[in-house]
Amino acid sequence: DPVTATPRAMTAALDAVHANPARFRLLLARDGIPGSETREMYDELRSFILAQLQHLAEIAFSSRAGGLIDTEFSAHLIMAGFEEAARLVLDRPDDITHDRVSRYVTELIRSILQG
């Protein structure tokens, strides 16, 4: 169920940001990643994640009331949303709580699925 699974996945991913702030600050500043080989690995990983997000969007949005929406674009927006949420977690950890993220993502997914 996307309405319950998506917020759990997002908060779990943000837990990783909390646990590894230095690593995520580096990853979120892609141009600051040292070495072209490391950047290539980052780009490959990001492409893999985008493909997985697109696949999950296809599954989740297949029963959308308004019909299927552009899942490739959705995957990019989901990734961008996670990246911005990660930045907010790093910059404002007291404001960006699990509860706040979970409530927002739940309502966003519900709205999309109601189409």
N, C-alpha and C. Protein backbone atom coordinates (compact mmCIF):
# COMPACT_ATOMS: atom_id res chain seq x y z
N ASP A 1 0.84 -1.18 0.00
CA ASP A 1 0.00 0.00 0.00
C ASP A 1 0.89 1.25 0.00
N PRO A 2 0.86 2.03 -1.07
CA PRO A 2 1.73 3.21 -1.18
C PRO A 2 1.50 4.25 -0.09
N VAL A 3 0.28 4.36 0.41
CA VAL A 3 -0.03 5.38 1.42
C VAL A 3 0.70 5.10 2.73
N THR A 4 0.93 3.84 3.06
CA THR A 4 1.67 3.53 4.29
C THR A 4 3.14 3.24 4.01
N ALA A 5 3.44 2.64 2.87
CA ALA A 5 4.83 2.26 2.57
C ALA A 5 5.71 3.47 2.26
N THR A 6 5.18 4.44 1.55
CA THR A 6 5.99 5.59 1.14
C THR A 6 6.49 6.42 2.32
N PRO A 7 5.63 6.78 3.28
CA PRO A 7 6.16 7.52 4.44
C PRO A 7 7.19 6.72 5.23
N ARG A 8 6.99 5.42 5.36
CA ARG A 8 7.97 4.59 6.08
C ARG A 8 9.30 4.59 5.36
N ALA A 9 9.26 4.47 4.03
CA ALA A 9 10.51 4.47 3.25
C ALA A 9 11.22 5.82 3.38
N MET A 10 10.46 6.89 3.33
CA MET A 10 11.05 8.23 3.41
C MET A 10 11.68 8.46 4.78
N THR A 11 10.99 8.07 5.85
CA THR A 11 11.57 8.30 7.18
C THR A 11 12.77 7.38 7.40
N ALA A 12 12.75 6.17 6.86
CA ALA A 12 13.92 5.28 6.97
C ALA A 12 15.11 5.87 6.23
N ALA A 13 14.87 6.43 5.06
CA ALA A 13 15.96 7.06 4.30
C ALA A 13 16.50 8.27 5.07
N LEU A 14 15.62 9.03 5.68
CA LEU A 14 16.08 10.19 6.44
C LEU A 14 16.82 9.78 7.72
N ASP A 15 16.51 8.59 8.25
CA ASP A 15 17.30 8.06 9.36
C ASP A 15 18.75 7.86 8.94
N ALA A 16 18.94 7.40 7.70
CA ALA A 16 20.30 7.23 7.18
C ALA A 16 21.02 8.57 7.10
N VAL A 17 20.28 9.62 6.76
CA VAL A 17 20.87 10.97 6.72
C VAL A 17 21.30 11.38 8.12
N HIS A 18 20.43 11.16 9.10
CA HIS A 18 20.77 11.48 10.51
C HIS A 18 22.01 10.72 10.95
N ALA A 19 22.10 9.46 10.55
CA ALA A 19 23.20 8.60 11.00
C ALA A 19 24.53 8.92 10.32
N ASN A 20 24.47 9.51 9.14
CA ASN A 20 25.69 9.77 8.35
C ASN A 20 25.68 11.19 7.77
N PRO A 21 25.62 12.20 8.61
CA PRO A 21 25.48 13.56 8.09
C PRO A 21 26.62 14.00 7.18
N ALA A 22 27.85 13.67 7.52
CA ALA A 22 28.99 14.11 6.69
C ALA A 22 28.91 13.48 5.30
N ARG A 23 28.59 12.21 5.24
CA ARG A 23 28.48 11.52 3.95
C ARG A 23 27.37 12.14 3.10
N PHE A 24 26.22 12.42 3.71
CA PHE A 24 25.12 12.95 2.94
C PHE A 24 25.36 14.40 2.52
N ARG A 25 26.04 15.17 3.35
CA ARG A 25 26.38 16.54 2.91
C ARG A 25 27.24 16.48 1.64
N LEU A 26 28.15 15.55 1.60
CA LEU A 26 29.00 15.37 0.42
C LEU A 26 28.18 14.91 -0.78
N LEU A 27 27.33 13.92 -0.58
CA LEU A 27 26.51 13.39 -1.67
C LEU A 27 25.53 14.43 -2.22
N LEU A 28 24.98 15.23 -1.32
CA LEU A 28 24.00 16.24 -1.74
C LEU A 28 24.66 17.40 -2.47
N ALA A 29 25.96 17.54 -2.32
CA ALA A 29 26.72 18.55 -3.06
C ALA A 29 27.49 17.82 -4.15
N ARG A 30 26.79 17.21 -5.09
CA ARG A 30 27.37 16.33 -6.10
C ARG A 30 28.64 16.89 -6.71
N ASP A 31 28.67 18.16 -7.00
CA ASP A 31 29.85 18.76 -7.61
C ASP A 31 31.04 18.79 -6.66
N GLY A 32 30.77 18.60 -5.37
CA GLY A 32 31.85 18.57 -4.39
C GLY A 32 32.44 17.18 -4.17
N ILE A 33 31.88 16.18 -4.86
CA ILE A 33 32.40 14.82 -4.70
C ILE A 33 33.77 14.74 -5.36
N PRO A 34 34.78 14.34 -4.60
CA PRO A 34 36.13 14.30 -5.16
C PRO A 34 36.32 13.11 -6.12
N GLY A 35 37.05 13.34 -7.18
CA GLY A 35 37.43 12.27 -8.10
C GLY A 35 36.34 11.89 -9.09
N SER A 36 36.70 11.81 -10.35
CA SER A 36 35.72 11.50 -11.38
C SER A 36 35.17 10.08 -11.23
N GLU A 37 35.98 9.14 -10.73
CA GLU A 37 35.52 7.77 -10.55
C GLU A 37 34.42 7.72 -9.49
N THR A 38 34.59 8.46 -8.42
CA THR A 38 33.59 8.50 -7.36
C THR A 38 32.32 9.16 -7.87
N ARG A 39 32.44 10.22 -8.66
CA ARG A 39 31.26 10.88 -9.24
C ARG A 39 30.53 9.93 -10.18
N GLU A 40 31.28 9.15 -10.95
CA GLU A 40 30.66 8.17 -11.84
C GLU A 40 29.87 7.14 -11.05
N MET A 41 30.45 6.65 -9.96
CA MET A 41 29.74 5.69 -9.12
C MET A 41 28.48 6.31 -8.54
N TYR A 42 28.59 7.57 -8.11
CA TYR A 42 27.43 8.29 -7.59
C TYR A 42 26.35 8.39 -8.66
N ASP A 43 26.74 8.78 -9.87
CA ASP A 43 25.77 8.93 -10.96
C ASP A 43 25.11 7.60 -11.30
N GLU A 44 25.89 6.52 -11.29
CA GLU A 44 25.33 5.19 -11.56
C GLU A 44 24.33 4.79 -10.47
N LEU A 45 24.69 5.03 -9.23
CA LEU A 45 23.78 4.71 -8.12
C LEU A 45 22.51 5.54 -8.22
N ARG A 46 22.66 6.81 -8.52
CA ARG A 46 21.49 7.69 -8.64
C ARG A 46 20.58 7.21 -9.78
N SER A 47 21.16 6.81 -10.91
CA SER A 47 20.38 6.28 -12.03
C SER A 47 19.62 5.01 -11.63
N PHE A 48 20.30 4.15 -10.88
CA PHE A 48 19.66 2.93 -10.39
C PHE A 48 18.47 3.27 -9.49
N ILE A 49 18.67 4.20 -8.56
CA ILE A 49 17.60 4.60 -7.65
C ILE A 49 16.44 5.19 -8.43
N LEU A 50 16.74 6.04 -9.42
CA LEU A 50 15.67 6.62 -10.24
C LEU A 50 14.88 5.55 -10.97
N ALA A 51 15.55 4.54 -11.49
CA ALA A 51 14.85 3.44 -12.18
C ALA A 51 13.94 2.70 -11.20
N GLN A 52 14.43 2.47 -9.98
CA GLN A 52 13.62 1.80 -8.97
C GLN A 52 12.41 2.65 -8.59
N LEU A 53 12.63 3.95 -8.43
CA LEU A 53 11.52 4.85 -8.10
C LEU A 53 10.48 4.88 -9.22
N GLN A 54 10.94 4.86 -10.46
CA GLN A 54 10.01 4.85 -11.58
C GLN A 54 9.17 3.57 -11.56
N HIS A 55 9.83 2.45 -11.32
CA HIS A 55 9.12 1.17 -11.26
C HIS A 55 8.08 1.20 -10.12
N LEU A 56 8.47 1.69 -8.96
CA LEU A 56 7.54 1.78 -7.84
C LEU A 56 6.39 2.74 -8.14
N ALA A 57 6.68 3.82 -8.84
CA ALA A 57 5.62 4.76 -9.23
C ALA A 57 4.64 4.10 -10.19
N GLU A 58 5.15 3.29 -11.11
CA GLU A 58 4.27 2.58 -12.03
C GLU A 58 3.32 1.66 -11.28
N ILE A 59 3.83 0.96 -10.29
CA ILE A 59 2.99 0.08 -9.48
C ILE A 59 1.99 0.89 -8.66
N ALA A 60 2.50 1.89 -7.95
CA ALA A 60 1.65 2.68 -7.05
C ALA A 60 0.59 3.47 -7.78
N PHE A 61 0.94 4.03 -8.92
CA PHE A 61 0.02 4.91 -9.62
C PHE A 61 -0.85 4.19 -10.64
N SER A 62 -0.68 2.88 -10.79
CA SER A 62 -1.45 2.14 -11.78
C SER A 62 -2.94 2.11 -11.46
N SER A 63 -3.28 2.23 -10.17
CA SER A 63 -4.69 2.21 -9.79
C SER A 63 -5.21 3.62 -9.48
N ARG A 64 -4.47 4.61 -9.90
CA ARG A 64 -4.83 6.01 -9.63
C ARG A 64 -6.16 6.35 -10.29
N ALA A 65 -7.04 7.00 -9.55
CA ALA A 65 -8.38 7.33 -10.04
C ALA A 65 -8.34 8.12 -11.35
N GLY A 66 -7.39 9.03 -11.47
CA GLY A 66 -7.31 9.88 -12.66
C GLY A 66 -6.48 9.28 -13.78
N GLY A 67 -6.06 8.03 -13.63
CA GLY A 67 -5.23 7.38 -14.64
C GLY A 67 -3.75 7.55 -14.32
N LEU A 68 -2.95 6.78 -15.03
CA LEU A 68 -1.50 6.78 -14.80
C LEU A 68 -0.90 8.14 -15.16
N ILE A 69 0.01 8.62 -14.34
CA ILE A 69 0.71 9.87 -14.64
C ILE A 69 2.14 9.53 -15.05
N ASP A 70 2.86 10.50 -15.52
CA ASP A 70 4.23 10.33 -16.02
C ASP A 70 5.13 9.83 -14.89
N THR A 71 5.46 8.54 -14.96
CA THR A 71 6.22 7.94 -13.86
C THR A 71 7.71 8.30 -13.90
N GLU A 72 8.24 8.57 -15.08
CA GLU A 72 9.65 8.99 -15.16
C GLU A 72 9.81 10.34 -14.47
N PHE A 73 8.94 11.28 -14.81
CA PHE A 73 8.99 12.61 -14.19
C PHE A 73 8.71 12.49 -12.70
N SER A 74 7.77 11.62 -12.33
CA SER A 74 7.47 11.40 -10.91
C SER A 74 8.69 10.92 -10.15
N ALA A 75 9.45 9.99 -10.74
CA ALA A 75 10.65 9.48 -10.08
C ALA A 75 11.66 10.60 -9.83
N HIS A 76 11.83 11.48 -10.80
CA HIS A 76 12.76 12.60 -10.62
C HIS A 76 12.27 13.55 -9.53
N LEU A 77 10.98 13.80 -9.48
CA LEU A 77 10.45 14.69 -8.44
C LEU A 77 10.55 14.05 -7.06
N ILE A 78 10.34 12.73 -6.99
CA ILE A 78 10.49 12.04 -5.71
C ILE A 78 11.93 12.14 -5.24
N MET A 79 12.88 11.92 -6.15
CA MET A 79 14.30 12.01 -5.80
C MET A 79 14.65 13.43 -5.35
N ALA A 80 14.18 14.41 -6.08
CA ALA A 80 14.44 15.80 -5.71
C ALA A 80 13.82 16.13 -4.36
N GLY A 81 12.63 15.60 -4.12
CA GLY A 81 11.97 15.81 -2.82
C GLY A 81 12.76 15.20 -1.68
N PHE A 82 13.28 13.98 -1.91
CA PHE A 82 14.10 13.35 -0.88
C PHE A 82 15.36 14.17 -0.63
N GLU A 83 16.02 14.61 -1.71
CA GLU A 83 17.26 15.37 -1.55
C GLU A 83 17.03 16.65 -0.76
N GLU A 84 15.92 17.32 -1.05
CA GLU A 84 15.63 18.56 -0.31
C GLU A 84 15.26 18.24 1.14
N ALA A 85 14.50 17.18 1.36
CA ALA A 85 14.17 16.77 2.73
C ALA A 85 15.45 16.42 3.49
N ALA A 86 16.40 15.77 2.83
CA ALA A 86 17.67 15.43 3.48
C ALA A 86 18.42 16.70 3.87
N ARG A 87 18.43 17.69 2.98
CA ARG A 87 19.08 18.97 3.32
C ARG A 87 18.41 19.61 4.53
N LEU A 88 17.09 19.58 4.55
CA LEU A 88 16.36 20.17 5.67
C LEU A 88 16.66 19.42 6.97
N VAL A 89 16.74 18.10 6.90
CA VAL A 89 17.08 17.30 8.09
C VAL A 89 18.47 17.68 8.60
N LEU A 90 19.39 17.89 7.68
CA LEU A 90 20.75 18.27 8.09
C LEU A 90 20.80 19.68 8.66
N ASP A 91 20.04 20.58 8.08
CA ASP A 91 20.08 21.99 8.50
C ASP A 91 19.14 22.31 9.66
N ARG A 92 18.02 21.59 9.75
CA ARG A 92 17.01 21.89 10.77
C ARG A 92 16.47 20.60 11.40
N PRO A 93 17.31 19.83 12.02
CA PRO A 93 16.89 18.52 12.54
C PRO A 93 15.76 18.59 13.56
N ASP A 94 15.67 19.68 14.30
CA ASP A 94 14.60 19.79 15.30
C ASP A 94 13.24 20.08 14.67
N ASP A 95 13.24 20.68 13.49
CA ASP A 95 11.99 21.02 12.81
C ASP A 95 11.46 19.91 11.91
N ILE A 96 12.36 19.13 11.33
CA ILE A 96 11.97 18.12 10.35
C ILE A 96 11.94 16.77 11.05
N THR A 97 10.81 16.49 11.69
CA THR A 97 10.66 15.28 12.50
C THR A 97 10.04 14.15 11.67
N HIS A 98 10.18 12.92 12.19
CA HIS A 98 9.54 11.77 11.53
C HIS A 98 8.05 12.01 11.35
N ASP A 99 7.42 12.51 12.40
CA ASP A 99 5.98 12.73 12.35
C ASP A 99 5.61 13.73 11.25
N ARG A 100 6.35 14.81 11.18
CA ARG A 100 6.07 15.84 10.17
C ARG A 100 6.26 15.29 8.76
N VAL A 101 7.35 14.59 8.53
CA VAL A 101 7.62 14.00 7.21
C VAL A 101 6.55 12.97 6.87
N SER A 102 6.25 12.10 7.81
CA SER A 102 5.27 11.04 7.58
C SER A 102 3.89 11.61 7.25
N ARG A 103 3.44 12.59 8.03
CA ARG A 103 2.13 13.20 7.76
C ARG A 103 2.08 13.84 6.38
N TYR A 104 3.14 14.57 6.03
CA TYR A 104 3.16 15.25 4.74
C TYR A 104 3.16 14.25 3.58
N VAL A 105 4.04 13.27 3.65
CA VAL A 105 4.15 12.29 2.56
C VAL A 105 2.85 11.48 2.44
N THR A 106 2.25 11.13 3.56
CA THR A 106 0.97 10.40 3.52
C THR A 106 -0.09 11.20 2.77
N GLU A 107 -0.23 12.46 3.13
CA GLU A 107 -1.25 13.29 2.47
C GLU A 107 -0.92 13.53 0.99
N LEU A 108 0.35 13.69 0.67
CA LEU A 108 0.75 13.88 -0.71
C LEU A 108 0.41 12.65 -1.55
N ILE A 109 0.74 11.47 -1.07
CA ILE A 109 0.45 10.24 -1.81
C ILE A 109 -1.06 10.05 -1.93
N ARG A 110 -1.80 10.29 -0.86
CA ARG A 110 -3.27 10.19 -0.94
C ARG A 110 -3.82 11.12 -2.01
N SER A 111 -3.34 12.32 -2.05
CA SER A 111 -3.82 13.30 -3.04
C SER A 111 -3.52 12.85 -4.46
N ILE A 112 -2.32 12.35 -4.67
CA ILE A 112 -1.94 11.88 -6.01
C ILE A 112 -2.82 10.71 -6.42
N LEU A 113 -3.03 9.76 -5.52
CA LEU A 113 -3.79 8.57 -5.87
C LEU A 113 -5.27 8.88 -6.12
N GLN A 114 -5.79 9.92 -5.48
CA GLN A 114 -7.18 10.28 -5.70
C GLN A 114 -7.38 10.90 -7.08
N GLY A 115 -6.29 11.45 -7.63
CA GLY A 115 -6.22 11.99 -8.97
C GLY A 115 -7.39 12.72 -9.44
